N, C-alpha and C. Protein backbone atom coordinates (compact mmCIF):
# COMPACT_ATOMS: atom_id res chain seq x y z
N UNK A 1 -9.21 8.92 -7.14
CA UNK A 1 -9.58 9.92 -8.11
C UNK A 1 -9.28 11.32 -7.55
N UNK A 2 -9.56 11.53 -6.28
CA UNK A 2 -9.29 12.84 -5.68
C UNK A 2 -7.80 13.15 -5.69
N UNK A 3 -6.98 12.15 -5.42
CA UNK A 3 -5.53 12.36 -5.42
C UNK A 3 -5.03 12.70 -6.82
N UNK A 4 -5.59 12.07 -7.82
CA UNK A 4 -5.19 12.37 -9.21
C UNK A 4 -5.59 13.79 -9.59
N UNK A 5 -6.78 14.20 -9.20
CA UNK A 5 -7.22 15.57 -9.48
C UNK A 5 -6.36 16.59 -8.74
N UNK A 6 -5.96 16.26 -7.52
CA UNK A 6 -5.08 17.16 -6.76
C UNK A 6 -3.72 17.28 -7.43
N UNK A 7 -3.22 16.18 -7.96
CA UNK A 7 -1.94 16.21 -8.67
C UNK A 7 -2.05 17.07 -9.93
N UNK A 8 -3.15 16.94 -10.65
CA UNK A 8 -3.37 17.77 -11.83
C UNK A 8 -3.45 19.24 -11.46
N UNK A 9 -4.18 19.57 -10.40
CA UNK A 9 -4.28 20.96 -9.96
C UNK A 9 -2.91 21.51 -9.58
N UNK A 10 -2.11 20.71 -8.90
CA UNK A 10 -0.77 21.15 -8.52
C UNK A 10 0.09 21.43 -9.76
N UNK A 11 -0.05 20.61 -10.78
CA UNK A 11 0.71 20.84 -12.03
C UNK A 11 0.23 22.11 -12.71
N UNK A 12 -1.08 22.35 -12.70
CA UNK A 12 -1.61 23.57 -13.30
C UNK A 12 -1.09 24.81 -12.57
N UNK A 13 -1.07 24.76 -11.25
CA UNK A 13 -0.57 25.88 -10.45
C UNK A 13 0.92 26.09 -10.71
N UNK A 14 1.68 25.01 -10.73
CA UNK A 14 3.13 25.13 -10.99
C UNK A 14 3.39 25.77 -12.35
N UNK A 15 2.61 25.37 -13.33
CA UNK A 15 2.80 25.94 -14.67
C UNK A 15 2.44 27.43 -14.69
N UNK A 16 1.34 27.79 -14.05
CA UNK A 16 0.94 29.21 -14.00
C UNK A 16 1.94 30.07 -13.25
N UNK A 17 2.54 29.50 -12.20
CA UNK A 17 3.52 30.25 -11.41
C UNK A 17 4.92 30.17 -11.99
N UNK A 18 5.05 29.50 -13.13
CA UNK A 18 6.34 29.35 -13.81
C UNK A 18 7.38 28.66 -12.93
N UNK A 19 6.93 27.65 -12.20
CA UNK A 19 7.85 26.83 -11.40
C UNK A 19 8.33 25.72 -12.32
N UNK A 20 9.57 25.80 -12.73
CA UNK A 20 10.06 24.88 -13.77
C UNK A 20 10.48 23.51 -13.23
N UNK A 21 10.76 23.42 -11.94
CA UNK A 21 11.19 22.15 -11.36
C UNK A 21 10.36 21.82 -10.11
N UNK A 22 9.06 21.61 -10.28
CA UNK A 22 8.23 21.32 -9.11
C UNK A 22 8.42 19.88 -8.62
N UNK A 23 8.17 19.70 -7.35
CA UNK A 23 8.16 18.38 -6.74
C UNK A 23 6.76 18.13 -6.21
N UNK A 24 6.18 17.03 -6.64
CA UNK A 24 4.82 16.67 -6.22
C UNK A 24 4.90 15.48 -5.27
N UNK A 25 4.15 15.56 -4.18
CA UNK A 25 4.12 14.50 -3.19
C UNK A 25 2.71 13.93 -3.10
N UNK A 26 2.61 12.61 -3.00
CA UNK A 26 1.32 11.95 -2.84
C UNK A 26 1.48 10.73 -1.96
N UNK A 27 0.42 10.40 -1.22
CA UNK A 27 0.47 9.17 -0.42
C UNK A 27 -0.18 8.01 -1.16
N UNK A 28 -0.51 8.21 -2.43
CA UNK A 28 -1.09 7.17 -3.26
C UNK A 28 0.02 6.54 -4.10
N UNK A 29 0.44 5.35 -3.73
CA UNK A 29 1.56 4.70 -4.39
C UNK A 29 1.30 4.41 -5.85
N UNK A 30 0.12 3.93 -6.19
CA UNK A 30 -0.15 3.62 -7.60
C UNK A 30 -0.18 4.89 -8.44
N UNK A 31 -0.71 5.97 -7.91
CA UNK A 31 -0.71 7.24 -8.64
C UNK A 31 0.72 7.75 -8.82
N UNK A 32 1.51 7.69 -7.78
CA UNK A 32 2.91 8.13 -7.88
C UNK A 32 3.66 7.30 -8.92
N UNK A 33 3.42 6.01 -8.95
CA UNK A 33 4.09 5.13 -9.92
C UNK A 33 3.69 5.48 -11.34
N UNK A 34 2.39 5.68 -11.57
CA UNK A 34 1.91 6.01 -12.92
C UNK A 34 2.43 7.38 -13.35
N UNK A 35 2.40 8.35 -12.45
CA UNK A 35 2.85 9.69 -12.80
C UNK A 35 4.34 9.72 -13.07
N UNK A 36 5.10 8.95 -12.32
CA UNK A 36 6.55 8.91 -12.51
C UNK A 36 6.91 8.20 -13.81
N UNK A 37 6.24 7.09 -14.08
CA UNK A 37 6.55 6.32 -15.29
C UNK A 37 5.98 6.97 -16.54
N UNK A 38 5.01 7.88 -16.34
CA UNK A 38 4.34 8.56 -17.45
C UNK A 38 3.64 7.57 -18.37
N UNK A 39 3.18 6.47 -17.79
CA UNK A 39 2.44 5.46 -18.55
C UNK A 39 0.99 5.49 -18.09
N UNK A 40 0.11 5.53 -19.05
CA UNK A 40 -1.30 5.64 -18.74
C UNK A 40 -2.13 4.53 -19.37
N UNK A 41 -1.58 3.84 -20.31
CA UNK A 41 -2.34 2.85 -21.07
C UNK A 41 -2.33 1.45 -20.44
N UNK A 42 -1.63 1.32 -19.33
CA UNK A 42 -1.56 -0.01 -18.71
C UNK A 42 -2.94 -0.42 -18.22
N UNK A 43 -3.23 -1.69 -18.32
CA UNK A 43 -4.54 -2.19 -17.92
C UNK A 43 -4.78 -2.05 -16.43
N UNK A 44 -3.72 -1.89 -15.66
CA UNK A 44 -3.89 -1.75 -14.21
C UNK A 44 -4.22 -0.32 -13.80
N UNK A 45 -4.14 0.64 -14.73
CA UNK A 45 -4.51 2.01 -14.42
C UNK A 45 -6.03 2.12 -14.44
N UNK A 46 -6.58 2.58 -13.34
CA UNK A 46 -8.03 2.71 -13.24
C UNK A 46 -8.56 3.64 -14.33
N UNK A 47 -9.63 3.25 -14.96
CA UNK A 47 -10.20 4.06 -16.03
C UNK A 47 -10.68 5.41 -15.50
N UNK A 48 -10.98 5.50 -14.22
CA UNK A 48 -11.50 6.74 -13.65
C UNK A 48 -10.45 7.85 -13.58
N UNK A 49 -9.17 7.47 -13.64
CA UNK A 49 -8.12 8.50 -13.55
C UNK A 49 -7.30 8.63 -14.83
N UNK A 50 -7.61 7.85 -15.84
CA UNK A 50 -6.79 7.90 -17.07
C UNK A 50 -6.78 9.28 -17.71
N UNK A 51 -7.94 9.91 -17.86
CA UNK A 51 -7.99 11.23 -18.48
C UNK A 51 -7.27 12.26 -17.61
N UNK A 52 -7.44 12.14 -16.31
CA UNK A 52 -6.77 13.07 -15.39
C UNK A 52 -5.26 12.92 -15.53
N UNK A 53 -4.77 11.70 -15.65
CA UNK A 53 -3.33 11.48 -15.83
C UNK A 53 -2.85 12.06 -17.16
N UNK A 54 -3.63 11.88 -18.21
CA UNK A 54 -3.25 12.45 -19.51
C UNK A 54 -3.15 13.97 -19.39
N UNK A 55 -4.12 14.58 -18.71
CA UNK A 55 -4.07 16.03 -18.52
C UNK A 55 -2.86 16.43 -17.69
N UNK A 56 -2.54 15.64 -16.66
CA UNK A 56 -1.34 15.91 -15.85
C UNK A 56 -0.09 15.84 -16.71
N UNK A 57 0.00 14.82 -17.56
CA UNK A 57 1.16 14.68 -18.45
C UNK A 57 1.28 15.88 -19.38
N UNK A 58 0.16 16.37 -19.88
CA UNK A 58 0.18 17.55 -20.77
C UNK A 58 0.68 18.79 -20.03
N UNK A 59 0.13 19.03 -18.84
CA UNK A 59 0.54 20.20 -18.07
C UNK A 59 1.98 20.13 -17.61
N UNK A 60 2.45 18.95 -17.31
CA UNK A 60 3.80 18.82 -16.76
C UNK A 60 4.85 18.45 -17.80
N UNK A 61 4.46 18.38 -19.07
CA UNK A 61 5.39 17.93 -20.11
C UNK A 61 6.60 18.86 -20.26
N UNK A 62 6.39 20.14 -20.11
CA UNK A 62 7.52 21.06 -20.24
C UNK A 62 8.15 21.44 -18.90
N UNK A 63 7.71 20.79 -17.84
CA UNK A 63 8.29 21.00 -16.52
C UNK A 63 9.27 19.87 -16.21
N UNK A 64 10.24 20.17 -15.43
CA UNK A 64 11.17 19.13 -14.96
C UNK A 64 10.68 18.71 -13.58
N UNK A 65 9.54 18.05 -13.59
CA UNK A 65 8.88 17.71 -12.32
C UNK A 65 9.30 16.34 -11.83
N UNK A 66 9.10 16.17 -10.54
CA UNK A 66 9.33 14.88 -9.89
C UNK A 66 8.11 14.56 -9.05
N UNK A 67 7.74 13.29 -9.01
CA UNK A 67 6.61 12.84 -8.21
C UNK A 67 7.14 11.80 -7.24
N UNK A 68 6.85 11.99 -5.96
CA UNK A 68 7.32 11.08 -4.92
C UNK A 68 6.15 10.54 -4.12
N UNK A 69 6.29 9.30 -3.71
CA UNK A 69 5.32 8.68 -2.81
C UNK A 69 5.76 8.93 -1.37
N UNK A 70 4.83 9.42 -0.56
CA UNK A 70 5.07 9.61 0.87
C UNK A 70 4.15 8.65 1.60
N UNK A 71 4.72 7.80 2.42
CA UNK A 71 3.94 6.82 3.15
C UNK A 71 2.92 7.50 4.05
N UNK A 72 1.72 6.94 4.11
CA UNK A 72 0.68 7.51 4.97
C UNK A 72 1.08 7.49 6.43
N UNK A 73 1.88 6.51 6.80
CA UNK A 73 2.29 6.40 8.20
C UNK A 73 3.15 7.58 8.65
N UNK A 74 3.93 8.13 7.73
CA UNK A 74 4.79 9.25 8.10
C UNK A 74 4.18 10.60 7.72
N UNK A 75 3.01 10.57 7.10
CA UNK A 75 2.33 11.79 6.70
C UNK A 75 1.15 12.01 7.64
N UNK A 76 1.44 12.42 8.85
CA UNK A 76 0.43 12.56 9.90
C UNK A 76 -0.67 13.57 9.60
N UNK A 77 -0.33 14.68 8.99
CA UNK A 77 -1.32 15.71 8.70
C UNK A 77 -2.37 15.18 7.73
N UNK A 78 -1.93 14.60 6.63
CA UNK A 78 -2.88 14.07 5.65
C UNK A 78 -3.71 12.95 6.25
N UNK A 79 -3.10 12.13 7.07
CA UNK A 79 -3.82 11.03 7.71
C UNK A 79 -4.91 11.58 8.61
N UNK A 80 -4.58 12.61 9.40
CA UNK A 80 -5.58 13.19 10.31
C UNK A 80 -6.70 13.88 9.55
N UNK A 81 -6.39 14.54 8.45
CA UNK A 81 -7.41 15.21 7.65
C UNK A 81 -8.35 14.18 7.02
N UNK A 82 -7.80 13.06 6.58
CA UNK A 82 -8.61 12.03 5.94
C UNK A 82 -9.56 11.35 6.91
N UNK A 83 -9.25 11.40 8.17
CA UNK A 83 -10.12 10.75 9.16
C UNK A 83 -10.82 11.80 9.93
């Protein structure tokens, strides 16, 4: 849920700063997959993040954004912060 909210905040910031082609990075594979596919109604999408994803889709609809998954193993800073 925190990763989904962070993705939404990043989209809001990108829109406010008029960044038309933002790139979003996350170490949450399922979130990256849902955000990339722009599908929210799948039964495998956790109900706790569905509204956040819908809001992300709204904010990023006019952006040419890309969402990428970054493996936790190669993302040392985020790994250290999480622990």
